[in-house]
Amino acid sequence: MSPSMRGRVPALAVGGVSGNVLLGRQYELAPFDGTAEFLAFASGNLVSVAIFSGSDILTEPGATIPFGAAEAAPVYPDHILAEDEVAEGDRLSMTFTNGGAAVRDINWAVMLTPA
């Protein structure tokens, strides 16, 4: 089984920014050459994401993510936001911004597959 990371950003305030949700996680730095897939799902509209993989900009800030029920996890492959070939040691980053008029919850996942 390939490694993955999953998490939740609870109650992101209106206009709030999460910072890199992968910071300090075991696979923040890619452990091998391979493919990284980034997924996310929010509890409401107007949540955007910025995704970086090493020096690659996969989504610029402002790219909106799918939304629906507050407790829903991202579904593979429906909620893949970006996919990239990573080199061992590449720093992975996902940052969320709430542009909506209410607090939002965000569930996210990153899946890594060796080359």
Protein backbone atom coordinates (compact mmCIF):
# COMPACT_ATOMS: atom_id res chain seq x y z
CA MET A 1 0.00 0.00 0.00
CA SER A 2 1.25 3.46 -0.89
CA PRO A 3 1.58 6.10 1.82
CA SER A 4 -1.06 8.76 2.23
CA MET A 5 -1.88 11.68 4.50
CA ARG A 6 -5.36 12.77 5.51
CA GLY A 7 -6.57 15.62 7.62
CA ARG A 8 -9.21 18.17 8.43
CA VAL A 9 -9.16 21.92 8.75
CA PRO A 10 -12.02 22.55 11.19
CA ALA A 11 -13.87 25.87 11.33
CA LEU A 12 -11.78 27.97 8.94
CA ALA A 13 -13.00 31.50 9.62
CA VAL A 14 -14.39 33.82 6.95
CA GLY A 15 -11.37 35.25 5.13
CA GLY A 16 -9.11 32.83 7.02
CA VAL A 17 -6.04 31.09 5.61
CA SER A 18 -5.00 27.67 6.88
CA GLY A 19 -1.28 27.79 6.22
CA ASN A 20 0.40 24.66 4.84
CA VAL A 21 -1.68 21.75 6.18
CA LEU A 22 1.16 19.34 5.35
CA LEU A 23 3.74 21.19 7.48
CA GLY A 24 5.38 18.81 9.94
CA ARG A 25 3.66 15.71 8.58
CA GLN A 26 5.64 12.54 7.92
CA TYR A 27 5.42 12.90 4.14
CA GLU A 28 5.68 16.69 3.86
CA LEU A 29 8.94 15.90 2.04
CA ALA A 30 8.37 13.28 -0.66
CA PRO A 31 10.04 10.06 0.56
CA PHE A 32 10.72 8.79 -2.98
CA ASP A 33 10.40 9.63 -6.68
CA GLY A 34 6.80 9.06 -7.73
CA THR A 35 3.36 10.61 -8.13
CA ALA A 36 1.51 12.80 -5.63
CA GLU A 37 -2.27 13.27 -5.88
CA PHE A 38 -3.95 16.08 -3.90
CA LEU A 39 -7.65 15.88 -2.94
CA ALA A 40 -9.94 18.16 -0.92
CA PHE A 41 -13.61 18.72 -0.13
CA ALA A 42 -15.17 21.65 1.76
CA SER A 43 -18.40 22.11 3.73
CA GLY A 44 -19.41 25.09 1.60
CA ASN A 45 -18.56 27.09 -1.49
CA LEU A 46 -15.82 29.65 -2.13
CA VAL A 47 -12.99 27.77 -0.43
CA SER A 48 -9.84 28.01 -2.53
CA VAL A 49 -6.54 26.16 -2.47
CA ALA A 50 -2.93 26.74 -3.46
CA ILE A 51 -0.92 23.56 -4.11
CA PHE A 52 2.84 23.36 -4.57
CA SER A 53 5.12 20.38 -5.17
CA GLY A 54 8.80 21.24 -4.94
CA SER A 55 9.24 24.20 -7.29
CA ASP A 56 6.05 23.33 -9.25
CA ILE A 57 2.96 25.50 -8.83
CA LEU A 58 0.08 23.05 -9.31
CA THR A 59 -2.78 25.42 -8.46
CA GLU A 60 -2.41 29.11 -7.90
CA PRO A 61 -4.17 30.67 -4.92
CA GLY A 62 -7.84 31.13 -5.80
CA ALA A 63 -8.55 27.72 -7.36
CA THR A 64 -11.87 26.67 -5.78
CA ILE A 65 -12.49 23.17 -4.44
CA PRO A 66 -15.58 20.90 -4.50
CA PHE A 67 -18.06 21.34 -1.64
CA GLY A 68 -21.02 19.63 0.02
CA ALA A 69 -21.84 17.97 3.36
CA ALA A 70 -19.62 19.10 6.25
CA GLU A 71 -18.44 15.61 7.24
CA ALA A 72 -17.75 14.34 3.72
CA ALA A 73 -14.25 13.19 2.89
CA PRO A 74 -12.76 13.70 -0.55
CA VAL A 75 -13.63 10.87 -2.94
CA TYR A 76 -10.99 9.32 -5.21
CA PRO A 77 -10.78 10.06 -8.14
CA ASP A 78 -13.66 12.59 -8.22
CA HIS A 79 -12.02 15.18 -5.97
CA ILE A 80 -8.44 15.13 -7.27
CA LEU A 81 -7.39 18.76 -7.47
CA ALA A 82 -3.88 18.20 -8.79
CA GLU A 83 -1.42 15.44 -9.64
CA ASP A 84 2.34 15.79 -10.04
CA GLU A 85 5.46 13.75 -10.55
CA VAL A 86 7.60 14.37 -7.46
CA ALA A 87 11.27 13.82 -6.77
CA GLU A 88 12.52 12.46 -3.48
CA GLY A 89 12.80 15.39 -1.06
CA ASP A 90 10.30 17.70 -2.82
CA ARG A 91 8.33 19.73 -0.27
CA LEU A 92 4.55 19.31 -0.66
CA SER A 93 2.23 22.17 0.28
CA MET A 94 -1.55 22.77 0.42
CA THR A 95 -2.98 26.04 1.75
CA PHE A 96 -6.71 26.79 1.98
CA THR A 97 -8.48 30.17 2.01
CA ASN A 98 -12.12 30.69 2.98
CA GLY A 99 -13.68 33.27 0.66
CA GLY A 100 -17.23 32.39 1.73
CA ALA A 101 -19.59 34.19 4.09
CA ALA A 102 -19.53 31.46 6.76
CA VAL A 103 -17.09 29.22 8.63
CA ARG A 104 -15.99 26.18 6.56
CA ASP A 105 -14.63 22.73 7.36
CA ILE A 106 -12.20 21.19 4.87
CA ASN A 107 -11.24 17.54 4.56
CA TRP A 108 -8.14 16.79 2.52
CA ALA A 109 -5.88 13.93 1.44
CA VAL A 110 -2.56 13.45 -0.34
CA MET A 111 -1.74 10.07 -1.88
CA LEU A 112 1.81 9.10 -2.88
CA THR A 113 2.70 6.35 -5.34
CA PRO A 114 6.31 5.27 -5.94
CA ALA A 115 7.71 5.51 -9.47
